Amino acid sequence: MANSIGIPGYPSETIAKQGSWQLYLLVGIATNVFLWGSALLYLKVTPPTYTSHSAVNLPGQGSNANVNLPGIGQASYENPSPYAIASSQDPRENYKFIAESEPVLKAAADQLHMSSGEFGKPQTKVLVNTSIMTVDFNGTSPQEARKKSFAFYKALQTRLIQLRTQESIQRDVGFQTGLNSAQKKLETAQKRLSEYKARSGLNSEDQIKDLTTNIEQLRRQRAEILAQEQQATTRLKQLSANLKLSAGQATDAFVLQKDQIFQQNLKNYSDASAAVVVLESKFLPNHPTVVAEEAKRDSAESALLARSQSLLGRSLNLATLKQLNLSSGNNSNTAQETLLQQLVTVKADQQGFTSQAQAIDQQITQLEKRLKNLAQQESQLDALKRDMQVAEAVFSSTLTRLDLGKSNVFGSYPLIQIVADPSLPDNPTEPKKSYIYLGAALGSLFSTTGVVLLWLRKHKRKALMGDRKTFISE
């Protein structure tokens, strides 16, 4: 039984072992051929891809400006660093989003007459602890990759300009609204101030200062005039005492002294009176010569009184005329006339000084009354001026901020700077031959090792089964 089992099985097992070994060899060869064939086919079929590298920098330096407006105030603006707005925000991420947005990619693709799918998306990367962002573009040739990068940057700059323009327009609309409101308030304040000036007659604080200065000058002038009046009064008293005449009497005497007719009548009266005295000492009162001379004296007296009344405008008697100390003598007439003239002149000066003092008193009273009214109106004028100054400050500041805001176009979208121009690649980035060869070699190694291990495992099992059959037959 043992012989019948053992002998026939020997040649069949040998054939089986030989067939199994060849099968695994064929499988290993086929697997390696497939792997290497696929790798070589991929390298041959897949078009090369070139990558253009570039980098941009987002400056983090802030800026500010202050403008002083003399007599009004100041205006300022501050453009903080985009990295200092909030620690959780990174402006490079915002630019990364804008760079990968459809409007930018479509505009860049249109420049190269490509579709958005053909143009592709940039590979952006933010470098940690820097303000730099790298940008990579793929192309079927080095020139295409580089052209895509340049077209991309041009489209990005255009898009940023559009966003800045939109922001500026929106900001200007808000500023313009505030500017219109400030302008209306300023116009209202100016109108109220102008109307009040026209109504009150008070235009500035200088008017009050000038008015106060004028009052002080008038007071000094009044004091000087009063001093001159006092001097004139003292001299008038002295002259009146010397002439024993009042100022009015001196004026009457001076008028009579100057009149030739009165002087002739006075001389006739004096001569007649002297003749009567002489005749009365020689003759009796009823003597015709005395009577005739008395008649002549009375006629001269009547003429004298009539002439004095005509000159002075009032009637005088002989006692009054004698009190005036009139003289018809030439020697005494000149000296008396000089004194009378001085007395009249001093009296006129005194009256002039008194009139001037009274006029100045009236002017001072009027100016003080006006000063009081202006002082009351000054508070209202100051309030209106303050309102206008505030309105001017608000309007000027708003206008200045508007102008400064127009110059600050990089507020929300800072200026980008290309620190590394798009490169012109020398070697393709895909497919990578070294990686493909390495993958094929590893695949070949793993597949060959697997086939060998499977063959060894099956060979070992068959050997164990053969030993069992031998043991059973025995």
Protein backbone atom coordinates (compact mmCIF):
# COMPACT_ATOMS: atom_id res chain seq x y z
CA MET A 1 0.00 0.00 0.00
CA ALA A 2 2.88 2.21 0.88
CA ASN A 3 4.62 1.48 -2.38
CA SER A 4 1.47 2.10 -4.43
CA ILE A 5 0.99 5.50 -2.80
CA GLY A 6 4.61 6.65 -2.77
CA ILE A 7 5.77 5.66 -6.26
CA PRO A 8 3.02 7.11 -8.41
CA GLY A 9 3.09 10.45 -6.56
CA TYR A 10 6.76 11.20 -7.09
CA PRO A 11 6.76 12.29 -10.72
CA SER A 12 3.51 14.32 -10.31
CA GLU A 13 4.88 16.31 -7.35
CA THR A 14 8.06 17.15 -9.24
CA ILE A 15 6.07 18.44 -12.19
CA ALA A 16 3.81 20.44 -9.87
CA LYS A 17 6.78 22.04 -8.14
CA GLN A 18 8.31 23.01 -11.44
CA GLY A 19 5.00 24.48 -12.74
CA SER A 20 4.38 26.45 -9.54
CA TRP A 21 7.80 28.07 -9.65
CA GLN A 22 7.38 29.14 -13.24
CA LEU A 23 3.96 30.59 -12.51
CA TYR A 24 5.21 32.82 -9.72
CA LEU A 25 8.13 33.86 -11.87
CA LEU A 26 5.75 34.90 -14.63
CA VAL A 27 3.56 36.80 -12.14
CA GLY A 28 6.58 38.68 -10.76
CA ILE A 29 7.84 39.55 -14.23
CA ALA A 30 4.38 40.68 -15.33
CA THR A 31 3.98 42.84 -12.23
CA ASN A 32 7.35 44.54 -12.70
CA VAL A 33 6.65 45.06 -16.38
CA PHE A 34 3.32 46.67 -15.54
CA LEU A 35 4.81 48.96 -12.91
CA TRP A 36 7.72 50.13 -15.00
CA GLY A 37 5.63 50.35 -18.13
CA SER A 38 3.05 52.50 -16.34
CA ALA A 39 5.77 54.78 -14.96
CA LEU A 40 7.43 55.20 -18.34
CA LEU A 41 4.08 55.70 -20.03
CA TYR A 42 3.12 58.38 -17.47
CA LEU A 43 6.40 60.17 -18.05
CA LYS A 44 5.86 60.06 -21.78
CA VAL A 45 2.17 60.97 -21.84
CA THR A 46 2.02 63.57 -19.03
CA PRO A 47 2.97 67.08 -20.27
CA PRO A 48 5.60 68.88 -18.17
CA THR A 49 4.45 71.58 -15.76
CA TYR A 50 6.64 74.60 -14.98
CA THR A 51 6.22 76.79 -11.90
CA SER A 52 7.09 80.51 -11.73
CA HIS A 53 7.92 81.66 -8.21
CA SER A 54 7.44 85.22 -6.93
CA ALA A 55 6.84 87.01 -3.63
CA VAL A 56 5.14 90.22 -2.49
CA ASN A 57 5.55 92.29 0.62
CA LEU A 58 2.80 94.12 2.51
CA PRO A 59 4.50 97.00 4.32
CA GLY A 60 3.41 97.27 7.93
CA GLN A 61 4.48 100.87 8.54
CA GLY A 62 1.64 103.20 9.55
CA SER A 63 1.37 106.87 8.62
CA ASN A 64 -0.25 109.99 10.01
CA ALA A 65 -0.51 113.70 9.28
CA ASN A 66 -1.37 116.82 11.26
CA VAL A 67 -2.45 120.11 9.72
CA ASN A 68 -2.59 123.27 11.83
CA LEU A 69 -5.10 125.92 10.84
CA PRO A 70 -3.98 129.27 12.37
CA GLY A 71 -6.71 130.86 14.43
CA ILE A 72 -9.08 127.95 13.80
CA GLY A 73 -7.68 124.67 15.02
CA GLN A 74 -6.06 121.61 13.59
CA ALA A 75 -7.01 118.55 11.58
CA SER A 76 -5.29 115.21 11.54
CA TYR A 77 -5.60 111.74 10.18
CA GLU A 78 -3.91 108.50 11.13
CA ASN A 79 -3.37 105.46 8.97
CA PRO A 80 -2.42 102.72 11.43
CA SER A 81 -0.37 99.75 10.47
CA PRO A 82 -2.60 97.01 9.04
CA TYR A 83 -0.93 94.56 11.39
CA ALA A 84 -1.84 96.65 14.45
CA ILE A 85 -5.61 96.79 13.87
CA ALA A 86 -6.30 93.48 15.56
CA SER A 87 -4.08 90.61 16.56
CA SER A 88 -6.54 88.11 15.11
CA GLN A 89 -6.48 89.68 11.65
CA ASP A 90 -3.75 89.32 9.08
CA PRO A 91 -3.96 91.62 6.05
CA ARG A 92 -2.02 89.04 4.04
CA GLU A 93 -4.97 86.65 4.39
CA ASN A 94 -7.23 89.38 3.01
CA TYR A 95 -4.91 89.83 0.06
CA LYS A 96 -4.73 86.06 -0.35
CA PHE A 97 -8.52 85.95 -0.59
CA ILE A 98 -8.56 88.81 -3.11
CA ALA A 99 -5.77 87.16 -5.13
CA GLU A 100 -7.74 83.92 -5.43
CA SER A 101 -11.06 85.65 -6.14
CA GLU A 102 -12.82 85.15 -9.46
CA PRO A 103 -12.65 88.79 -10.69
CA VAL A 104 -8.84 88.83 -10.39
CA LEU A 105 -8.31 85.42 -12.00
CA LYS A 106 -10.78 86.12 -14.78
CA ALA A 107 -9.18 89.49 -15.56
CA ALA A 108 -5.74 87.88 -15.62
CA ALA A 109 -6.99 85.03 -17.86
CA ASP A 110 -8.55 87.54 -20.27
CA GLN A 111 -5.19 89.22 -20.68
CA LEU A 112 -3.71 85.93 -21.96
CA HIS A 113 -6.88 85.01 -23.88
CA MET A 114 -7.39 81.94 -21.68
CA SER A 115 -10.36 80.54 -19.85
CA SER A 116 -10.39 80.61 -16.06
CA GLY A 117 -9.87 76.82 -16.04
CA GLU A 118 -6.83 77.05 -18.28
CA PHE A 119 -5.37 79.89 -16.28
CA GLY A 120 -5.75 78.11 -12.96
CA LYS A 121 -5.31 79.42 -9.44
CA PRO A 122 -2.14 80.68 -7.81
CA GLN A 123 -0.50 78.73 -5.02
CA THR A 124 -0.15 81.32 -2.26
CA LYS A 125 1.63 80.87 1.02
CA VAL A 126 2.00 83.26 3.93
CA LEU A 127 5.42 83.15 5.54
CA VAL A 128 5.24 83.11 9.31
CA ASN A 129 6.71 86.06 11.24
CA THR A 130 7.12 88.09 8.06
CA SER A 131 5.04 90.42 5.95
CA ILE A 132 5.79 88.39 2.80
CA MET A 133 3.44 86.20 0.80
CA THR A 134 4.73 83.86 -1.93
CA VAL A 135 2.82 83.30 -5.16
CA ASP A 136 3.41 80.37 -7.54
CA PHE A 137 1.87 79.84 -10.97
CA ASN A 138 1.98 76.70 -13.11
CA GLY A 139 2.27 76.61 -16.88
CA THR A 140 2.98 74.23 -19.70
CA SER A 141 6.13 76.18 -20.49
CA PRO A 142 8.44 78.49 -18.53
CA GLN A 143 7.26 81.50 -20.52
CA GLU A 144 3.60 80.68 -19.92
CA ALA A 145 4.11 80.31 -16.18
CA ARG A 146 5.90 83.65 -16.04
CA LYS A 147 3.29 85.38 -18.20
CA LYS A 148 0.56 84.09 -15.90
CA SER A 149 2.38 85.62 -12.92
CA PHE A 150 2.75 89.01 -14.59
CA ALA A 151 -0.88 88.97 -15.75
CA PHE A 152 -1.96 88.00 -12.27
CA TYR A 153 -0.11 90.90 -10.63
CA LYS A 154 -1.49 93.35 -13.15
CA ALA A 155 -5.03 92.12 -12.53
CA LEU A 156 -4.45 92.20 -8.75
CA GLN A 157 -3.21 95.77 -8.86
CA THR A 158 -6.18 96.79 -11.00
CA ARG A 159 -8.58 95.13 -8.59
CA LEU A 160 -6.95 96.85 -5.60
CA ILE A 161 -7.24 100.20 -7.35
CA GLN A 162 -10.95 99.52 -7.94
CA LEU A 163 -11.48 98.63 -4.29
CA ARG A 164 -9.59 101.72 -3.15
CA THR A 165 -11.62 103.90 -5.50
CA GLN A 166 -14.89 102.43 -4.22
CA GLU A 167 -13.79 102.97 -0.64
CA SER A 168 -12.73 106.53 -1.40
CA ILE A 169 -16.07 107.30 -3.06
CA GLN A 170 -18.03 105.88 -0.14
CA ARG A 171 -15.86 107.77 2.34
CA ASP A 172 -16.20 110.98 0.34
CA VAL A 173 -19.98 110.64 0.35
CA GLY A 174 -19.96 110.45 4.13
CA PHE A 175 -17.52 113.34 4.43
CA GLN A 176 -19.49 115.39 1.90
CA THR A 177 -22.66 114.98 3.94
CA GLY A 178 -20.85 116.21 7.02
CA LEU A 179 -19.23 119.00 5.02
CA ASN A 180 -22.60 120.23 3.70
CA SER A 181 -24.01 120.24 7.21
CA ALA A 182 -20.97 122.12 8.55
CA GLN A 183 -21.20 124.63 5.68
CA LYS A 184 -24.86 125.34 6.41
CA LYS A 185 -24.09 125.90 10.08
CA LEU A 186 -21.24 128.22 9.15
CA GLU A 187 -23.42 130.23 6.78
CA THR A 188 -26.12 130.52 9.45
CA ALA A 189 -23.60 131.68 12.05
CA GLN A 190 -22.11 134.25 9.63
CA LYS A 191 -25.56 135.57 8.74
CA ARG A 192 -26.56 135.95 12.39
CA LEU A 193 -23.30 137.76 13.15
CA SER A 194 -23.66 140.11 10.18
CA GLU A 195 -27.27 140.93 11.04
CA TYR A 196 -26.37 141.63 14.65
CA LYS A 197 -23.48 143.90 13.62
CA ALA A 198 -25.74 145.84 11.29
CA ARG A 199 -28.46 146.09 13.93
CA SER A 200 -26.27 147.02 16.89
CA GLY A 201 -23.59 149.05 15.13
CA LEU A 202 -20.92 147.04 16.97
CA ASN A 203 -18.52 145.43 14.54
CA SER A 204 -15.57 144.50 16.69
CA GLU A 205 -14.02 144.81 20.13
CA ASP A 206 -11.78 147.55 18.76
CA GLN A 207 -14.75 149.87 18.72
CA ILE A 208 -15.09 149.58 22.50
CA LYS A 209 -11.35 150.07 22.93
CA ASP A 210 -11.38 153.12 20.65
CA LEU A 211 -14.43 154.50 22.42
CA THR A 212 -12.80 154.05 25.82
CA THR A 213 -9.65 155.73 24.51
CA ASN A 214 -11.69 158.66 23.17
CA ILE A 215 -13.44 159.09 26.51
CA GLU A 216 -10.12 159.15 28.34
CA GLN A 217 -8.73 161.69 25.86
CA LEU A 218 -11.81 163.89 26.32
CA ARG A 219 -11.41 163.69 30.08
CA ARG A 220 -7.79 164.76 29.85
CA GLN A 221 -8.77 167.56 27.45
CA ARG A 222 -11.54 168.63 29.84
CA ALA A 223 -9.09 168.77 32.72
CA GLU A 224 -6.74 170.96 30.67
CA ILE A 225 -9.59 173.29 29.67
CA LEU A 226 -10.79 173.56 33.27
CA ALA A 227 -7.26 174.48 34.29
CA GLN A 228 -7.15 177.17 31.59
CA GLU A 229 -10.59 178.39 32.68
CA GLN A 230 -9.33 178.67 36.24
CA GLN A 231 -6.36 180.71 35.09
CA ALA A 232 -8.65 182.98 33.05
CA THR A 233 -10.96 183.41 36.05
CA THR A 234 -8.06 184.40 38.30
CA ARG A 235 -6.76 186.96 35.80
CA LEU A 236 -10.28 188.28 35.24
CA LYS A 237 -10.66 188.92 38.95
CA GLN A 238 -7.32 190.72 39.02
CA LEU A 239 -8.18 192.94 36.06
CA SER A 240 -11.64 193.66 37.44
CA ALA A 241 -10.06 194.68 40.74
CA ASN A 242 -7.60 196.97 38.98
CA LEU A 243 -10.26 198.65 36.85
CA LYS A 244 -12.95 198.41 39.53
CA LEU A 245 -15.22 197.12 36.82
CA SER A 246 -16.93 193.90 36.17
CA ALA A 247 -16.43 192.06 32.95
CA GLY A 248 -19.79 193.30 31.65
CA GLN A 249 -19.03 196.88 32.58
CA ALA A 250 -15.62 196.58 30.98
CA THR A 251 -17.28 195.38 27.79
CA ASP A 252 -19.65 198.34 27.85
CA ALA A 253 -16.79 200.71 28.51
CA PHE A 254 -14.73 199.20 25.73
CA VAL A 255 -17.64 199.57 23.29
CA LEU A 256 -18.18 203.17 24.30
CA GLN A 257 -14.47 203.91 24.15
CA LYS A 258 -14.32 202.73 20.58
CA ASP A 259 -17.24 204.84 19.35
CA GLN A 260 -16.12 208.23 18.02
CA ILE A 261 -19.58 209.82 18.22
CA PHE A 262 -19.95 208.79 21.85
CA GLN A 263 -16.50 210.09 22.57
CA GLN A 264 -17.35 213.40 20.90
CA ASN A 265 -20.59 213.66 22.91
CA LEU A 266 -18.66 212.77 26.05
CA LYS A 267 -16.12 215.50 25.26
CA ASN A 268 -18.90 218.00 24.60
CA TYR A 269 -20.57 217.07 27.86
CA SER A 270 -17.33 217.28 29.75
CA ASP A 271 -16.49 220.67 28.25
CA ALA A 272 -19.99 221.99 28.91
CA SER A 273 -19.99 220.72 32.45
CA ALA A 274 -16.61 222.35 33.11
CA ALA A 275 -17.81 225.62 31.61
CA VAL A 276 -20.95 225.57 33.78
CA VAL A 277 -18.84 225.10 36.88
CA VAL A 278 -16.63 228.03 35.91
CA LEU A 279 -19.59 230.30 35.06
CA GLU A 280 -21.47 229.39 38.23
CA SER A 281 -18.45 230.51 40.20
CA LYS A 282 -18.68 233.93 38.48
CA PHE A 283 -22.38 234.45 37.86
CA LEU A 284 -25.64 233.80 39.49
CA PRO A 285 -27.55 230.66 38.43
CA ASN A 286 -30.09 232.74 36.55
CA HIS A 287 -27.51 234.54 34.53
CA PRO A 288 -28.18 234.10 30.81
CA THR A 289 -24.67 232.85 30.14
CA VAL A 290 -24.98 230.21 32.83
CA VAL A 291 -28.42 229.23 31.59
CA ALA A 292 -27.14 228.99 28.02
CA GLU A 293 -24.18 226.89 29.04
CA GLU A 294 -26.41 224.62 31.14
CA ALA A 295 -28.68 224.17 28.17
CA LYS A 296 -25.64 223.22 26.09
CA ARG A 297 -24.57 220.75 28.80
CA ASP A 298 -28.04 219.21 28.98
CA SER A 299 -28.10 218.84 25.22
CA ALA A 300 -24.71 217.10 25.28
CA GLU A 301 -25.95 214.84 28.12
CA SER A 302 -29.04 213.88 26.17
CA ALA A 303 -26.94 213.09 23.12
CA LEU A 304 -24.52 211.11 25.27
CA LEU A 305 -27.25 209.00 26.87
CA ALA A 306 -28.99 208.44 23.56
CA ARG A 307 -25.75 207.31 21.93
CA SER A 308 -24.91 204.94 24.79
CA GLN A 309 -28.40 203.43 24.60
CA SER A 310 -27.98 203.01 20.87
CA LEU A 311 -24.61 201.27 21.30
CA LEU A 312 -25.37 199.08 24.30
CA GLY A 313 -29.03 198.39 23.64
CA ARG A 314 -30.14 199.60 27.03
CA SER A 315 -30.52 202.94 28.73
CA LEU A 316 -27.82 204.19 31.08
CA ASN A 317 -27.68 207.15 33.41
CA LEU A 318 -24.83 209.47 34.11
CA ALA A 319 -23.95 207.70 37.33
CA THR A 320 -23.48 204.45 35.47
CA LEU A 321 -21.42 206.15 32.81
CA LYS A 322 -19.25 207.74 35.46
CA GLN A 323 -18.82 204.31 37.08
CA LEU A 324 -17.46 203.03 33.79
CA ASN A 325 -14.60 205.47 34.32
CA LEU A 326 -14.82 206.82 30.81
CA SER A 327 -12.32 209.51 29.92
CA SER A 328 -11.97 211.70 26.95
CA GLY A 329 -8.29 212.39 27.52
CA ASN A 330 -5.80 210.92 25.07
CA ASN A 331 -3.12 209.82 27.60
CA SER A 332 -5.41 207.99 29.96
CA ASN A 333 -7.56 206.67 27.12
CA THR A 334 -4.84 204.45 25.68
CA ALA A 335 -3.90 202.76 28.98
CA GLN A 336 -7.53 202.27 30.00
CA GLU A 337 -8.41 200.99 26.60
CA THR A 338 -5.63 198.40 26.84
CA LEU A 339 -6.81 197.21 30.24
CA LEU A 340 -10.40 197.10 29.10
CA GLN A 341 -9.37 195.10 26.03
CA GLN A 342 -7.47 192.65 28.20
CA LEU A 343 -10.41 192.31 30.54
CA VAL A 344 -12.79 191.69 27.66
CA THR A 345 -10.38 189.20 26.07
CA VAL A 346 -9.89 187.29 29.30
CA LYS A 347 -13.66 187.20 29.84
CA ALA A 348 -14.15 185.88 26.32
CA ASP A 349 -11.48 183.24 26.91
CA GLN A 350 -13.14 182.25 30.17
CA GLN A 351 -16.49 181.90 28.50
CA GLY A 352 -14.88 179.94 25.67
CA PHE A 353 -13.21 177.57 28.10
CA THR A 354 -16.48 177.15 29.97
CA SER A 355 -18.34 176.39 26.74
CA GLN A 356 -15.67 173.91 25.70
CA ALA A 357 -15.83 172.20 29.07
CA GLN A 358 -19.59 171.96 28.85
CA ALA A 359 -19.42 170.60 25.31
CA ILE A 360 -16.82 168.04 26.34
CA ASP A 361 -19.00 167.06 29.32
CA GLN A 362 -21.87 166.44 26.92
CA GLN A 363 -19.64 164.40 24.63
CA ILE A 364 -18.33 162.35 27.54
CA THR A 365 -21.87 161.70 28.73
CA GLN A 366 -22.96 160.61 25.28
CA LEU A 367 -19.90 158.42 24.76
CA GLU A 368 -20.25 156.83 28.20
CA LYS A 369 -23.87 156.03 27.43
CA ARG A 370 -22.83 154.52 24.11
CA LEU A 371 -20.01 152.63 25.82
CA LYS A 372 -22.48 151.18 28.30
CA ASN A 373 -24.75 150.05 25.47
CA LEU A 374 -21.85 148.57 23.50
CA ALA A 375 -20.56 146.78 26.57
CA GLN A 376 -23.95 145.15 26.98
CA GLN A 377 -23.99 144.20 23.32
CA GLU A 378 -20.40 142.91 23.41
CA SER A 379 -21.38 139.72 25.26
CA GLN A 380 -23.91 138.87 22.56
CA LEU A 381 -21.35 139.72 19.86
CA ASP A 382 -18.77 137.48 21.54
CA ALA A 383 -21.26 134.63 21.70
CA LEU A 384 -22.05 134.99 18.01
CA LYS A 385 -18.34 135.17 17.18
CA ARG A 386 -17.68 132.00 19.17
CA ASP A 387 -20.46 130.24 17.32
CA MET A 388 -18.99 131.35 14.00
CA GLN A 389 -15.46 130.33 15.04
CA VAL A 390 -16.69 126.91 16.10
CA ALA A 391 -18.57 126.56 12.82
CA GLU A 392 -15.45 127.66 10.91
CA ALA A 393 -13.30 125.17 12.84
CA VAL A 394 -15.72 122.32 12.16
CA PHE A 395 -16.04 123.23 8.49
CA SER A 396 -12.29 123.68 7.98
CA SER A 397 -11.47 120.48 9.85
CA THR A 398 -14.04 118.52 7.86
CA LEU A 399 -12.76 119.97 4.60
CA THR A 400 -9.16 119.22 5.58
CA ARG A 401 -10.01 115.67 6.58
CA LEU A 402 -11.76 115.26 3.25
CA ASP A 403 -8.66 116.42 1.37
CA LEU A 404 -6.37 114.32 3.54
CA GLY A 405 -8.66 111.33 3.11
CA LYS A 406 -8.40 111.68 -0.66
CA SER A 407 -4.62 111.53 -0.40
CA ASN A 408 -4.79 108.52 1.90
CA VAL A 409 -5.84 105.91 -0.66
CA PHE A 410 -4.00 103.02 0.98
CA GLY A 411 -5.99 102.95 4.22
CA SER A 412 -7.83 99.63 4.00
CA TYR A 413 -5.78 98.25 1.11
CA PRO A 414 -2.09 98.92 1.68
CA LEU A 415 0.32 99.19 -1.19
CA ILE A 416 1.90 95.87 -2.15
CA GLN A 417 5.51 95.58 -3.21
CA ILE A 418 6.88 92.80 -5.42
CA VAL A 419 10.08 91.79 -3.65
CA ALA A 420 10.78 88.81 -5.94
CA ASP A 421 9.87 89.14 -9.60
CA PRO A 422 8.28 86.11 -11.28
CA SER A 423 11.00 83.66 -12.12
CA LEU A 424 11.58 81.86 -15.43
CA PRO A 425 11.88 78.18 -14.41
CA ASP A 426 14.58 76.04 -15.98
CA ASN A 427 13.23 72.62 -15.00
CA PRO A 428 9.66 71.34 -14.84
CA THR A 429 8.13 70.85 -11.44
CA GLU A 430 5.82 68.07 -12.66
CA PRO A 431 6.13 65.26 -13.38
CA LYS A 432 9.09 64.59 -11.11
CA LYS A 433 11.10 61.75 -12.71
CA SER A 434 13.03 60.97 -9.57
CA TYR A 435 9.83 60.44 -7.59
CA ILE A 436 8.30 58.30 -10.35
CA TYR A 437 11.43 56.16 -10.70
CA LEU A 438 11.64 55.79 -6.97
CA GLY A 439 7.97 54.82 -6.80
CA ALA A 440 8.34 52.29 -9.60
CA ALA A 441 11.47 50.82 -7.95
CA LEU A 442 9.74 50.55 -4.61
CA GLY A 443 6.67 49.03 -6.26
CA SER A 444 8.83 46.56 -8.11
CA LEU A 445 10.64 45.67 -4.90
CA PHE A 446 7.46 45.23 -2.93
CA SER A 447 5.71 43.23 -5.67
CA THR A 448 8.71 40.95 -6.23
CA THR A 449 9.07 40.42 -2.52
CA GLY A 450 5.38 39.59 -2.26
CA VAL A 451 5.50 37.09 -5.10
CA VAL A 452 8.57 35.39 -3.61
CA LEU A 453 6.96 35.25 -0.20
CA LEU A 454 3.80 33.74 -1.69
CA TRP A 455 5.82 31.12 -3.55
CA LEU A 456 7.81 30.25 -0.45
CA ARG A 457 4.64 29.99 1.62
CA LYS A 458 2.99 27.67 -0.91
CA HIS A 459 6.17 25.63 -1.32
CA LYS A 460 6.41 25.19 2.43
CA ARG A 461 2.80 24.04 2.67
CA LYS A 462 3.27 21.51 -0.10
CA ALA A 463 6.40 20.20 1.62
CA LEU A 464 4.49 19.72 4.83
CA MET A 465 1.69 17.91 3.02
CA GLY A 466 4.24 15.59 1.33
CA ASP A 467 5.77 14.69 4.67
CA ARG A 468 2.32 13.86 6.04
CA LYS A 469 1.53 11.57 3.08
CA THR A 470 4.88 9.73 3.55
CA PHE A 471 4.21 9.28 7.22
CA ILE A 472 0.75 7.88 6.55
CA SER A 473 2.00 5.44 3.91
CA GLU A 474 4.57 4.11 6.26
